[in-house]
N, C-alpha and C. Protein backbone atom coordinates (compact mmCIF):
# COMPACT_ATOMS: atom_id res chain seq x y z
N MET A 1 16.58 13.98 -14.36
CA MET A 1 17.22 12.74 -13.47
C MET A 1 18.70 12.89 -13.19
N GLY A 2 19.25 12.94 -11.93
CA GLY A 2 20.59 13.28 -11.83
C GLY A 2 21.34 11.81 -11.95
N LEU A 3 22.70 12.15 -12.25
CA LEU A 3 23.57 10.99 -12.77
C LEU A 3 23.49 9.58 -11.76
N TYR A 4 23.23 10.07 -10.43
CA TYR A 4 23.19 9.02 -9.60
C TYR A 4 21.93 8.18 -9.78
N ASP A 5 20.83 9.01 -10.26
CA ASP A 5 19.54 8.49 -10.18
C ASP A 5 19.65 7.55 -11.50
N THR A 6 20.13 8.21 -12.62
CA THR A 6 20.23 7.43 -13.84
C THR A 6 21.12 6.09 -13.68
N TYR A 7 22.08 6.23 -13.05
CA TYR A 7 23.11 4.98 -12.79
C TYR A 7 22.15 3.85 -12.14
N LEU A 8 21.42 4.22 -11.14
CA LEU A 8 20.67 3.42 -10.53
C LEU A 8 19.38 2.80 -11.35
N ALA A 9 18.79 3.70 -12.10
CA ALA A 9 17.83 3.30 -13.04
C ALA A 9 18.40 2.27 -14.27
N VAL A 10 19.58 2.60 -14.44
CA VAL A 10 20.18 1.66 -15.56
C VAL A 10 20.52 0.20 -14.90
N ARG A 11 21.09 0.26 -13.72
CA ARG A 11 21.11 -1.11 -12.85
C ARG A 11 19.70 -1.79 -12.63
N TYR A 12 18.79 -1.01 -12.59
CA TYR A 12 17.37 -1.74 -12.27
C TYR A 12 17.09 -2.44 -13.47
N ARG A 13 17.05 -2.03 -14.66
CA ARG A 13 16.40 -2.09 -15.83
C ARG A 13 17.40 -3.35 -16.49
N LEU A 14 18.68 -3.45 -16.21
CA LEU A 14 19.67 -4.49 -16.70
C LEU A 14 19.31 -5.84 -15.92
N ARG A 15 18.44 -5.87 -14.85
CA ARG A 15 18.72 -6.97 -14.06
C ARG A 15 17.33 -7.83 -14.69
N ASP A 16 17.28 -9.17 -14.81
CA ASP A 16 16.32 -10.01 -15.29
C ASP A 16 15.04 -10.10 -14.16
N ASP A 17 15.23 -9.88 -13.24
CA ASP A 17 14.42 -10.38 -11.97
C ASP A 17 13.06 -9.57 -12.16
N PRO A 18 12.08 -9.84 -12.34
CA PRO A 18 10.71 -9.00 -12.40
C PRO A 18 10.37 -8.02 -11.39
N PRO A 19 9.92 -6.91 -11.88
CA PRO A 19 9.66 -5.83 -10.80
C PRO A 19 8.45 -5.81 -9.91
N PRO A 20 8.13 -5.38 -8.96
CA PRO A 20 7.00 -5.65 -8.07
C PRO A 20 5.66 -4.99 -8.70
N GLU A 21 4.73 -5.77 -9.04
CA GLU A 21 3.55 -5.45 -9.79
C GLU A 21 3.04 -4.69 -8.87
N HIS A 22 2.81 -4.85 -7.54
CA HIS A 22 1.79 -4.04 -6.81
C HIS A 22 2.68 -3.73 -5.46
N VAL A 23 2.81 -2.34 -5.42
CA VAL A 23 3.78 -1.65 -4.32
C VAL A 23 2.92 -0.84 -3.32
N ALA A 24 2.88 -0.97 -2.29
CA ALA A 24 2.27 -0.24 -1.05
C ALA A 24 3.02 0.58 -0.20
N LEU A 25 2.76 1.75 -0.17
CA LEU A 25 3.41 2.81 0.38
C LEU A 25 2.57 3.03 1.96
N VAL A 26 3.02 2.89 2.80
CA VAL A 26 2.62 3.03 4.38
C VAL A 26 3.11 4.72 4.84
N LEU A 27 2.44 5.34 5.05
CA LEU A 27 2.37 6.84 5.54
C LEU A 27 1.61 7.15 6.74
N THR A 28 1.69 8.06 7.37
CA THR A 28 1.08 8.66 8.60
C THR A 28 0.38 10.04 8.04
N GLU A 29 -0.60 10.47 8.83
CA GLU A 29 -0.81 11.94 8.80
C GLU A 29 0.02 12.94 8.88
N ARG A 30 0.98 12.48 9.85
CA ARG A 30 2.17 13.76 9.83
C ARG A 30 2.91 13.67 8.62
N ASP A 31 3.37 12.57 8.15
CA ASP A 31 3.89 12.65 6.54
C ASP A 31 3.11 13.64 5.65
N LEU A 32 1.89 13.43 5.54
CA LEU A 32 1.16 14.60 4.54
C LEU A 32 1.10 15.89 5.10
N LEU A 33 1.29 16.21 6.27
CA LEU A 33 1.47 17.55 6.81
C LEU A 33 2.73 18.14 6.59
N GLU A 34 3.70 17.58 6.07
CA GLU A 34 5.18 18.10 5.48
C GLU A 34 4.92 18.92 4.34
N GLN A 35 5.85 20.10 4.13
CA GLN A 35 5.61 20.85 3.04
C GLN A 35 6.20 19.87 1.61
N ASP A 36 5.33 20.08 0.46
CA ASP A 36 5.24 19.30 -0.65
C ASP A 36 4.89 17.73 -0.43
N ALA A 37 4.31 17.54 0.59
CA ALA A 37 4.27 16.28 0.60
C ALA A 37 3.34 15.37 -0.48
N TYR A 38 2.07 16.22 -1.00
CA TYR A 38 1.51 15.58 -1.81
C TYR A 38 2.17 15.69 -3.11
N ASP A 39 3.13 16.35 -3.62
CA ASP A 39 3.93 16.51 -4.48
C ASP A 39 4.75 15.14 -4.55
N THR A 40 5.44 14.98 -3.40
CA THR A 40 6.12 13.62 -3.36
C THR A 40 5.39 12.59 -3.67
N LEU A 41 4.08 12.49 -3.28
CA LEU A 41 3.32 11.28 -3.54
C LEU A 41 2.97 11.17 -4.93
N SER A 42 2.74 12.19 -5.72
CA SER A 42 2.60 12.58 -7.01
C SER A 42 3.74 11.71 -7.72
N ASN A 43 4.97 12.03 -7.26
CA ASN A 43 5.97 11.57 -8.06
C ASN A 43 6.41 10.04 -7.53
N VAL A 44 6.08 9.61 -6.51
CA VAL A 44 6.40 8.41 -6.30
C VAL A 44 5.28 7.21 -7.09
N LEU A 45 4.12 8.03 -7.39
CA LEU A 45 3.04 7.24 -7.89
C LEU A 45 3.71 7.15 -9.28
N GLY A 46 4.16 8.27 -10.19
CA GLY A 46 4.69 8.20 -11.26
C GLY A 46 5.84 7.19 -11.31
N TRP A 47 6.67 7.23 -10.44
CA TRP A 47 7.75 6.48 -10.56
C TRP A 47 7.54 4.93 -10.51
N ALA A 48 6.46 4.64 -9.56
CA ALA A 48 5.87 3.40 -9.57
C ALA A 48 5.43 2.89 -10.78
N PHE A 49 4.66 3.46 -11.40
CA PHE A 49 4.28 3.03 -12.84
C PHE A 49 5.10 2.77 -13.84
N ASP A 50 6.05 3.97 -13.76
CA ASP A 50 7.19 4.03 -14.61
C ASP A 50 8.32 2.71 -14.70
N TYR A 51 8.21 2.33 -13.43
CA TYR A 51 9.29 1.16 -13.38
C TYR A 51 8.56 -0.30 -13.06
N GLY A 52 7.36 -0.14 -13.79
CA GLY A 52 6.89 -1.78 -13.80
C GLY A 52 5.60 -1.82 -13.07
N ALA A 53 5.46 -1.04 -11.88
CA ALA A 53 4.17 -1.42 -10.96
C ALA A 53 2.94 -1.57 -12.05
N ASP A 54 2.04 -2.22 -11.64
CA ASP A 54 0.71 -2.02 -12.14
C ASP A 54 -0.68 -1.60 -11.54
N ARG A 55 -0.20 -1.55 -10.06
CA ARG A 55 -1.09 -1.29 -8.94
C ARG A 55 -0.33 -0.57 -7.74
N VAL A 56 -0.74 0.47 -7.04
CA VAL A 56 -0.08 1.01 -6.06
C VAL A 56 -1.09 1.13 -4.72
N THR A 57 -1.00 0.72 -3.57
CA THR A 57 -1.68 0.95 -2.61
C THR A 57 -0.98 2.03 -1.38
N VAL A 58 -1.80 3.00 -1.15
CA VAL A 58 -1.15 4.07 -0.34
C VAL A 58 -2.02 4.04 1.09
N SER A 59 -1.56 3.58 2.03
CA SER A 59 -2.15 3.27 3.45
C SER A 59 -1.62 4.38 4.56
N VAL A 60 -2.52 5.09 4.85
CA VAL A 60 -2.30 6.41 5.64
C VAL A 60 -2.99 5.95 7.18
N SER A 61 -1.97 6.04 8.02
CA SER A 61 -2.57 5.76 9.42
C SER A 61 -2.78 7.11 10.08
N VAL A 62 -4.11 7.15 10.61
CA VAL A 62 -4.47 8.36 11.36
C VAL A 62 -4.41 8.16 12.75
N LEU A 63 -4.48 9.28 13.64
CA LEU A 63 -4.62 9.17 15.00
C LEU A 63 -5.83 9.82 15.42
N ASP A 64 -6.04 10.90 14.80
CA ASP A 64 -7.51 11.51 15.00
C ASP A 64 -8.31 11.63 13.52
N GLU A 65 -9.44 10.75 13.69
CA GLU A 65 -10.24 10.47 12.64
C GLU A 65 -10.85 11.66 12.22
N ALA A 66 -10.84 12.80 12.98
CA ALA A 66 -11.37 14.10 12.33
C ALA A 66 -10.59 14.81 11.21
N VAL A 67 -9.15 14.14 11.01
CA VAL A 67 -8.79 14.60 9.84
C VAL A 67 -9.00 13.67 8.64
N VAL A 68 -9.70 12.87 8.70
CA VAL A 68 -9.98 11.82 7.70
C VAL A 68 -10.46 12.49 6.40
N ASP A 69 -11.65 13.31 6.52
CA ASP A 69 -12.14 13.87 5.40
C ASP A 69 -11.36 14.76 4.55
N THR A 70 -10.61 15.61 5.38
CA THR A 70 -9.56 16.33 4.78
C THR A 70 -8.46 15.70 4.22
N LEU A 71 -7.99 14.55 4.32
CA LEU A 71 -7.00 13.77 3.91
C LEU A 71 -7.61 13.04 2.71
N ALA A 72 -8.91 12.70 2.78
CA ALA A 72 -9.58 12.21 1.66
C ALA A 72 -9.94 13.11 0.40
N ARG A 73 -10.21 14.24 0.75
CA ARG A 73 -10.37 15.04 -0.53
C ARG A 73 -9.09 15.44 -1.32
N GLU A 74 -7.87 15.76 -0.35
CA GLU A 74 -6.74 15.95 -0.76
C GLU A 74 -6.06 14.78 -1.63
N LEU A 75 -6.26 13.72 -1.00
CA LEU A 75 -5.78 12.46 -1.79
C LEU A 75 -6.51 12.15 -2.96
N ALA A 76 -7.85 12.43 -2.94
CA ALA A 76 -8.78 12.17 -3.83
C ALA A 76 -8.43 12.75 -5.38
N ASN A 77 -7.74 14.10 -4.95
CA ASN A 77 -7.30 15.10 -6.13
C ASN A 77 -5.73 15.09 -6.50
N VAL A 78 -5.06 13.98 -5.87
CA VAL A 78 -3.55 14.19 -5.94
C VAL A 78 -3.38 13.92 -7.48
N ASP A 79 -2.40 14.62 -8.02
CA ASP A 79 -1.96 14.59 -9.34
C ASP A 79 -1.33 12.91 -9.75
N ALA A 80 -2.02 11.99 -10.07
CA ALA A 80 -1.61 10.78 -10.18
C ALA A 80 -1.80 10.08 -11.45
N PRO A 81 -1.29 9.30 -12.15
CA PRO A 81 -0.92 9.01 -13.45
C PRO A 81 -1.97 7.83 -13.99
N ARG A 82 -2.84 7.54 -12.90
CA ARG A 82 -3.70 6.66 -13.20
C ARG A 82 -5.02 6.76 -12.20
N PRO A 83 -6.22 6.32 -12.30
CA PRO A 83 -7.38 6.53 -11.76
C PRO A 83 -7.08 6.05 -10.01
N VAL A 84 -7.72 6.90 -9.24
CA VAL A 84 -7.55 6.93 -7.88
C VAL A 84 -9.00 6.34 -7.08
N ALA A 85 -8.92 5.34 -6.03
CA ALA A 85 -9.91 5.09 -5.30
C ALA A 85 -9.28 5.37 -4.04
N VAL A 86 -10.49 6.33 -3.30
CA VAL A 86 -9.99 6.45 -1.72
C VAL A 86 -11.06 5.78 -0.80
N ARG A 87 -10.54 4.84 0.16
CA ARG A 87 -11.38 4.43 1.09
C ARG A 87 -11.20 4.98 2.53
N ALA A 88 -12.45 5.21 3.45
CA ALA A 88 -11.92 5.60 4.67
C ALA A 88 -12.42 4.63 5.80
N PRO A 89 -12.53 4.81 7.20
CA PRO A 89 -13.43 4.02 8.15
C PRO A 89 -14.91 4.14 7.76
N GLY A 90 -15.17 2.98 7.52
CA GLY A 90 -17.00 2.69 7.58
C GLY A 90 -17.07 2.45 6.07
N ASP A 91 -15.90 2.56 5.26
CA ASP A 91 -16.10 2.03 3.70
C ASP A 91 -16.17 0.79 3.70
N THR A 92 -17.13 0.27 2.66
CA THR A 92 -17.37 -1.37 2.80
C THR A 92 -17.04 -1.68 1.12
N GLU A 93 -17.01 -0.62 0.38
CA GLU A 93 -16.97 -0.73 -1.28
C GLU A 93 -15.63 -1.24 -1.57
N ARG A 94 -15.41 -2.42 -2.26
CA ARG A 94 -13.98 -2.74 -2.67
C ARG A 94 -13.36 -1.64 -3.25
N ALA A 95 -12.00 -1.54 -3.19
CA ALA A 95 -11.27 -0.79 -3.73
C ALA A 95 -10.70 -1.54 -5.10
N ASP A 96 -10.90 -0.86 -6.20
CA ASP A 96 -10.41 -1.50 -7.36
C ASP A 96 -9.55 -0.78 -8.19
N ALA A 97 -9.11 0.34 -7.84
CA ALA A 97 -8.77 1.39 -8.90
C ALA A 97 -7.08 1.06 -9.31
N PRO A 98 -6.43 1.41 -10.14
CA PRO A 98 -4.95 1.35 -10.16
C PRO A 98 -4.07 1.64 -8.86
N VAL A 99 -4.67 2.93 -8.64
CA VAL A 99 -4.21 3.45 -7.32
C VAL A 99 -5.20 3.51 -6.09
N GLN A 100 -4.98 2.64 -5.06
CA GLN A 100 -5.81 2.75 -3.93
C GLN A 100 -5.39 3.26 -2.62
N VAL A 101 -6.14 4.06 -2.08
CA VAL A 101 -5.71 4.80 -1.17
C VAL A 101 -6.48 4.56 0.41
N ASN A 102 -5.97 4.19 1.19
CA ASN A 102 -6.42 3.42 2.35
C ASN A 102 -6.37 4.63 3.61
N ILE A 103 -7.38 5.54 4.01
CA ILE A 103 -7.03 6.32 5.12
C ILE A 103 -7.83 5.85 6.28
N GLY A 104 -6.75 5.64 7.19
CA GLY A 104 -7.39 5.24 8.70
C GLY A 104 -8.43 4.04 8.58
N LEU A 105 -8.38 3.35 7.63
CA LEU A 105 -8.93 1.86 7.91
C LEU A 105 -8.12 0.76 8.09
N GLY A 106 -7.92 1.00 9.60
CA GLY A 106 -6.77 -0.04 9.80
C GLY A 106 -6.92 -1.71 9.47
N GLY A 107 -5.83 -2.31 9.37
CA GLY A 107 -5.93 -3.67 9.25
C GLY A 107 -6.60 -4.37 10.08
N ARG A 108 -6.60 -4.10 11.35
CA ARG A 108 -7.51 -4.81 12.51
C ARG A 108 -8.99 -4.44 12.34
N ARG A 109 -9.50 -3.24 11.90
CA ARG A 109 -10.64 -2.95 11.92
C ARG A 109 -11.21 -3.48 10.46
N GLU A 110 -10.40 -3.54 9.37
CA GLU A 110 -11.01 -4.29 8.26
C GLU A 110 -11.05 -5.61 8.28
N PHE A 111 -10.08 -6.48 8.75
CA PHE A 111 -10.24 -7.97 9.30
C PHE A 111 -11.38 -8.23 9.98
N ALA A 112 -11.78 -7.40 11.28
CA ALA A 112 -12.76 -7.35 12.18
C ALA A 112 -13.97 -7.56 11.04
N ALA A 113 -14.23 -6.42 10.43
CA ALA A 113 -15.39 -6.48 9.80
C ALA A 113 -15.69 -7.77 8.63
N ALA A 114 -14.52 -8.07 8.06
CA ALA A 114 -14.76 -9.38 7.47
C ALA A 114 -15.26 -10.57 8.29
N VAL A 115 -14.67 -10.53 9.56
CA VAL A 115 -14.92 -11.75 10.37
C VAL A 115 -16.63 -11.73 10.89
N ARG A 116 -17.22 -10.36 10.99
CA ARG A 116 -18.59 -10.15 11.13
C ARG A 116 -19.26 -10.45 9.96
N GLU A 117 -18.77 -10.45 8.83
CA GLU A 117 -19.75 -10.85 7.51
C GLU A 117 -19.62 -12.14 7.57
N ILE A 118 -18.73 -12.99 7.95
CA ILE A 118 -18.45 -14.30 7.91
C ILE A 118 -19.50 -14.95 8.93
N ALA A 119 -19.88 -14.16 9.98
CA ALA A 119 -20.50 -14.87 11.00
C ALA A 119 -21.70 -14.61 10.92
N ASP A 120 -22.19 -13.55 9.94
CA ASP A 120 -23.52 -13.67 9.70
C ASP A 120 -23.81 -14.18 8.70
N ALA A 121 -22.95 -14.70 7.55
CA ALA A 121 -23.27 -15.67 6.77
C ALA A 121 -23.27 -17.19 7.39
N VAL A 122 -22.71 -17.59 8.28
CA VAL A 122 -22.77 -18.75 9.14
C VAL A 122 -24.37 -18.87 9.81
N ASP A 123 -24.51 -17.57 10.42
CA ASP A 123 -25.72 -17.45 11.17
C ASP A 123 -26.86 -17.42 10.03
N ALA A 124 -26.72 -17.37 9.04
CA ALA A 124 -27.93 -17.32 7.95
C ALA A 124 -27.87 -18.67 7.32
N ASP A 125 -27.14 -19.52 7.60
CA ASP A 125 -26.62 -20.95 7.01
C ASP A 125 -26.22 -20.95 5.45
N GLU A 126 -25.62 -19.60 5.23
CA GLU A 126 -24.98 -19.69 3.77
C GLU A 126 -23.75 -20.16 3.80
N LEU A 127 -22.99 -20.33 5.09
CA LEU A 127 -21.52 -20.82 5.20
C LEU A 127 -21.36 -21.73 6.29
N ARG A 128 -20.81 -23.01 6.25
CA ARG A 128 -20.78 -23.89 7.05
C ARG A 128 -19.33 -23.28 7.96
N PRO A 129 -18.99 -23.45 9.38
CA PRO A 129 -18.06 -23.04 9.76
C PRO A 129 -16.85 -24.00 9.65
N GLU A 130 -17.06 -25.11 9.41
CA GLU A 130 -15.75 -26.07 8.93
C GLU A 130 -15.16 -25.65 7.26
N GLU A 131 -16.23 -25.04 6.54
CA GLU A 131 -15.84 -24.93 5.28
C GLU A 131 -15.23 -23.52 5.20
N ILE A 132 -14.97 -22.46 6.34
CA ILE A 132 -14.38 -21.34 6.21
C ILE A 132 -12.88 -21.65 5.40
N THR A 133 -12.72 -20.52 4.42
CA THR A 133 -11.10 -20.42 3.97
C THR A 133 -10.79 -19.22 3.87
N ALA A 134 -9.45 -19.27 3.57
CA ALA A 134 -8.96 -17.69 3.70
C ALA A 134 -9.38 -16.89 2.10
N GLU A 135 -9.94 -17.92 1.38
CA GLU A 135 -10.64 -16.97 0.29
C GLU A 135 -12.03 -16.29 0.65
N ASP A 136 -12.66 -16.69 1.72
CA ASP A 136 -13.63 -16.32 2.41
C ASP A 136 -13.39 -14.96 2.93
N VAL A 137 -12.34 -14.73 3.50
CA VAL A 137 -12.01 -13.56 4.36
C VAL A 137 -11.58 -12.62 3.03
N GLU A 138 -10.60 -13.18 2.10
CA GLU A 138 -10.17 -12.27 1.22
C GLU A 138 -11.15 -11.53 0.44
N GLU A 139 -12.26 -12.40 -0.09
CA GLU A 139 -13.50 -11.65 -0.95
C GLU A 139 -14.40 -10.57 0.03
N ARG A 140 -13.96 -10.58 1.26
CA ARG A 140 -14.69 -9.55 2.05
C ARG A 140 -13.98 -8.35 2.49
N LEU A 141 -12.56 -8.40 2.23
CA LEU A 141 -11.83 -7.10 2.37
C LEU A 141 -11.99 -6.12 1.40
N VAL A 142 -11.81 -4.65 2.11
CA VAL A 142 -12.10 -3.60 1.00
C VAL A 142 -10.74 -3.37 0.24
N PHE A 143 -9.62 -3.85 0.88
CA PHE A 143 -8.52 -3.90 -0.30
C PHE A 143 -7.71 -5.66 -0.30
N PRO A 144 -8.19 -6.10 -1.20
CA PRO A 144 -8.10 -7.45 -1.08
C PRO A 144 -6.71 -7.92 -1.91
N GLU A 145 -6.04 -7.20 -2.53
CA GLU A 145 -4.66 -7.42 -3.19
C GLU A 145 -3.60 -7.60 -2.13
N GLU A 146 -2.80 -8.43 -2.49
CA GLU A 146 -1.68 -8.46 -1.83
C GLU A 146 -0.62 -7.78 -2.12
N PRO A 147 0.13 -6.88 -1.52
CA PRO A 147 1.56 -6.23 -2.33
C PRO A 147 2.48 -6.97 -2.46
N ASP A 148 3.54 -6.74 -3.52
CA ASP A 148 4.71 -7.52 -3.46
C ASP A 148 5.75 -6.93 -2.78
N LEU A 149 5.71 -5.48 -2.78
CA LEU A 149 6.71 -4.67 -2.09
C LEU A 149 6.01 -3.65 -1.08
N LEU A 150 6.52 -3.38 -0.06
CA LEU A 150 5.78 -2.75 0.94
C LEU A 150 6.90 -1.59 1.51
N ILE A 151 6.90 -0.47 1.33
CA ILE A 151 7.68 0.56 1.48
C ILE A 151 7.33 1.37 2.98
N LYS A 152 8.25 1.57 3.57
CA LYS A 152 7.74 2.47 4.85
C LYS A 152 9.05 3.15 5.20
N THR A 153 8.60 4.60 5.05
CA THR A 153 9.71 5.90 5.07
C THR A 153 10.06 5.86 6.70
N GLY A 154 11.39 6.48 7.04
CA GLY A 154 11.78 7.04 8.08
C GLY A 154 11.63 6.18 9.33
N ALA A 155 11.36 4.93 9.26
CA ALA A 155 11.05 4.44 10.73
C ALA A 155 11.06 2.73 10.44
N GLU A 156 11.27 1.76 11.61
CA GLU A 156 11.36 0.50 11.30
C GLU A 156 10.23 -0.09 12.04
N ARG A 157 8.93 0.63 12.24
CA ARG A 157 7.87 0.34 12.70
C ARG A 157 6.75 0.43 11.75
N LEU A 158 5.75 -0.64 12.00
CA LEU A 158 4.56 -0.79 10.83
C LEU A 158 3.60 -0.09 11.73
N SER A 159 2.47 0.49 11.36
CA SER A 159 1.28 1.02 11.98
C SER A 159 0.24 -0.01 11.54
N ASP A 160 -1.10 -0.05 11.84
CA ASP A 160 -2.18 -0.71 12.03
C ASP A 160 -2.46 -0.63 10.18
N PHE A 161 -2.16 -1.45 9.45
CA PHE A 161 -2.53 -1.56 8.30
C PHE A 161 -2.35 -2.92 7.56
N LEU A 162 -3.25 -2.95 6.38
CA LEU A 162 -3.06 -4.09 5.54
C LEU A 162 -2.57 -5.53 6.19
N ILE A 163 -2.78 -5.84 7.35
CA ILE A 163 -2.43 -6.64 8.06
C ILE A 163 -2.44 -8.19 7.38
N TRP A 164 -3.60 -8.48 6.77
CA TRP A 164 -3.97 -9.70 6.34
C TRP A 164 -3.26 -9.86 4.86
N GLN A 165 -3.24 -8.75 4.16
CA GLN A 165 -2.71 -8.81 2.71
C GLN A 165 -1.07 -8.70 2.79
N SER A 166 -0.40 -8.12 3.55
CA SER A 166 1.08 -7.92 3.45
C SER A 166 1.79 -9.21 4.34
N VAL A 167 0.83 -10.12 4.63
CA VAL A 167 1.82 -11.30 5.41
C VAL A 167 3.01 -11.76 4.53
N TYR A 168 3.24 -12.01 3.27
CA TYR A 168 4.23 -12.28 2.33
C TYR A 168 4.57 -11.22 1.79
N SER A 169 4.56 -10.08 1.87
CA SER A 169 5.26 -8.87 1.00
C SER A 169 6.56 -8.60 1.65
N GLU A 170 7.56 -8.05 0.79
CA GLU A 170 8.80 -7.85 1.01
C GLU A 170 8.39 -6.33 1.77
N LEU A 171 9.15 -6.21 2.91
CA LEU A 171 9.32 -4.88 3.51
C LEU A 171 10.26 -4.16 3.50
N TYR A 172 10.48 -2.97 3.14
CA TYR A 172 11.47 -2.09 2.77
C TYR A 172 11.47 -0.70 3.61
N PHE A 173 12.31 -0.60 4.62
CA PHE A 173 12.51 0.73 5.30
C PHE A 173 13.48 1.53 4.97
N THR A 174 13.15 2.96 4.84
CA THR A 174 14.20 3.87 4.10
C THR A 174 14.85 4.29 5.39
N ASP A 175 15.95 5.16 5.26
CA ASP A 175 16.46 5.65 6.31
C ASP A 175 16.27 7.42 5.74
N VAL A 176 15.32 7.61 5.23
CA VAL A 176 14.75 9.07 4.96
C VAL A 176 13.32 9.04 5.33
N ASN A 177 12.94 10.31 5.83
CA ASN A 177 11.69 10.74 5.89
C ASN A 177 10.67 10.79 4.73
N TRP A 178 9.50 10.88 4.74
CA TRP A 178 8.94 11.18 3.35
C TRP A 178 8.93 12.16 2.74
N ARG A 179 9.05 13.66 3.45
CA ARG A 179 9.54 14.90 3.00
C ARG A 179 10.63 14.53 2.03
N ASP A 180 11.79 13.95 2.68
CA ASP A 180 13.10 13.76 1.70
C ASP A 180 13.14 12.50 0.70
N PHE A 181 12.04 12.02 0.48
CA PHE A 181 12.04 10.68 -0.42
C PHE A 181 12.35 11.20 -1.69
N ARG A 182 13.24 10.46 -2.60
CA ARG A 182 13.77 10.87 -3.74
C ARG A 182 13.42 9.78 -4.70
N ARG A 183 13.93 9.98 -6.13
CA ARG A 183 13.64 8.88 -6.99
C ARG A 183 14.59 7.82 -6.39
N ARG A 184 15.93 8.28 -6.31
CA ARG A 184 16.93 7.26 -5.80
C ARG A 184 16.63 6.45 -4.82
N ASP A 185 16.01 7.00 -3.65
CA ASP A 185 15.40 6.01 -2.61
C ASP A 185 14.45 4.93 -3.10
N TYR A 186 13.22 5.26 -4.08
CA TYR A 186 12.45 4.48 -4.64
C TYR A 186 13.47 3.19 -5.55
N LEU A 187 14.26 3.60 -6.23
CA LEU A 187 14.90 2.73 -7.06
C LEU A 187 15.59 1.89 -6.11
N ARG A 188 16.23 2.12 -4.98
CA ARG A 188 16.90 1.24 -4.02
C ARG A 188 15.93 0.38 -3.48
N ALA A 189 14.81 0.79 -3.24
CA ALA A 189 13.99 0.04 -2.78
C ALA A 189 13.53 -1.09 -3.73
N LEU A 190 13.58 -0.78 -5.21
CA LEU A 190 13.30 -1.96 -6.06
C LEU A 190 14.49 -2.68 -6.34
N LEU A 191 15.72 -2.02 -6.30
CA LEU A 191 16.67 -3.10 -6.24
C LEU A 191 16.89 -3.98 -5.17
N GLU A 192 16.56 -3.25 -3.75
CA GLU A 192 16.45 -4.36 -2.81
C GLU A 192 15.70 -5.54 -3.23
N PHE A 193 14.28 -5.20 -3.66
CA PHE A 193 13.31 -6.19 -3.72
C PHE A 193 13.96 -7.16 -5.01
N GLN A 194 14.52 -6.80 -5.90
CA GLN A 194 14.85 -7.84 -6.95
C GLN A 194 15.93 -8.58 -6.40
N GLN A 195 16.75 -8.34 -5.53
CA GLN A 195 17.85 -9.14 -4.90
C GLN A 195 17.24 -10.01 -3.83
N ARG A 196 16.03 -9.89 -3.40
CA ARG A 196 15.79 -11.34 -2.36
C ARG A 196 14.91 -12.08 -2.74
N LYS A 197 14.96 -13.28 -2.20
CA LYS A 197 14.33 -14.29 -2.80
C LYS A 197 13.25 -14.79 -2.01
N ARG A 198 12.00 -14.37 -2.45
CA ARG A 198 10.82 -14.73 -1.83
C ARG A 198 10.26 -16.23 -1.72
N ARG A 199 9.90 -16.20 -0.40
CA ARG A 199 9.50 -17.37 0.07
C ARG A 199 7.93 -17.85 0.39
N PHE A 200 7.30 -16.69 0.42
CA PHE A 200 5.76 -17.15 0.46
C PHE A 200 5.62 -17.37 1.73
N GLY A 201 6.11 -17.50 2.97
CA GLY A 201 5.84 -18.39 4.15
C GLY A 201 6.62 -19.54 4.08
N ARG A 202 7.03 -19.98 3.09
CA ARG A 202 7.98 -21.56 3.10
C ARG A 202 8.96 -21.38 3.65
């Protein structure tokens, strides 16, 4: 670890503010085509757990669903410090591993599937429309947990991802692309997170 990275790490550890327990990374399929992209992901996962996270969600947006199977194989085998659960379009089983990977299962699609399940429950007289709550939606999501910090590299635009879950997340946009993302960039995101006052919609 370089001197500047060490300086940032010391600044981070000296603060009393709690770290983000759940970190989300928003990537694109193009990010993962870059040289050493999976090594970068492995490094970031290691940093996340080293600096206090207990869960990481990786959300990969895809333009061509033909690449989903290839990405799923690669991501399932990424060198990660904790167990990995990969979910793709069509998957309905809840992701519950410390590292959760969402490949092309956009937030709109995930939310629509939850609404369909609720409609089926109403149709079967298992749920009354006036009794439907946010919890009824959340328990039907593949990725139910809400990230504390969401990091998007190289852009100030978000793709179709974790729409429901990230409504109260702190968003951090880097000025570097995924291929150039380093420990110092991750530490900057953590320091920025610590300096913000979270309002949770209030």
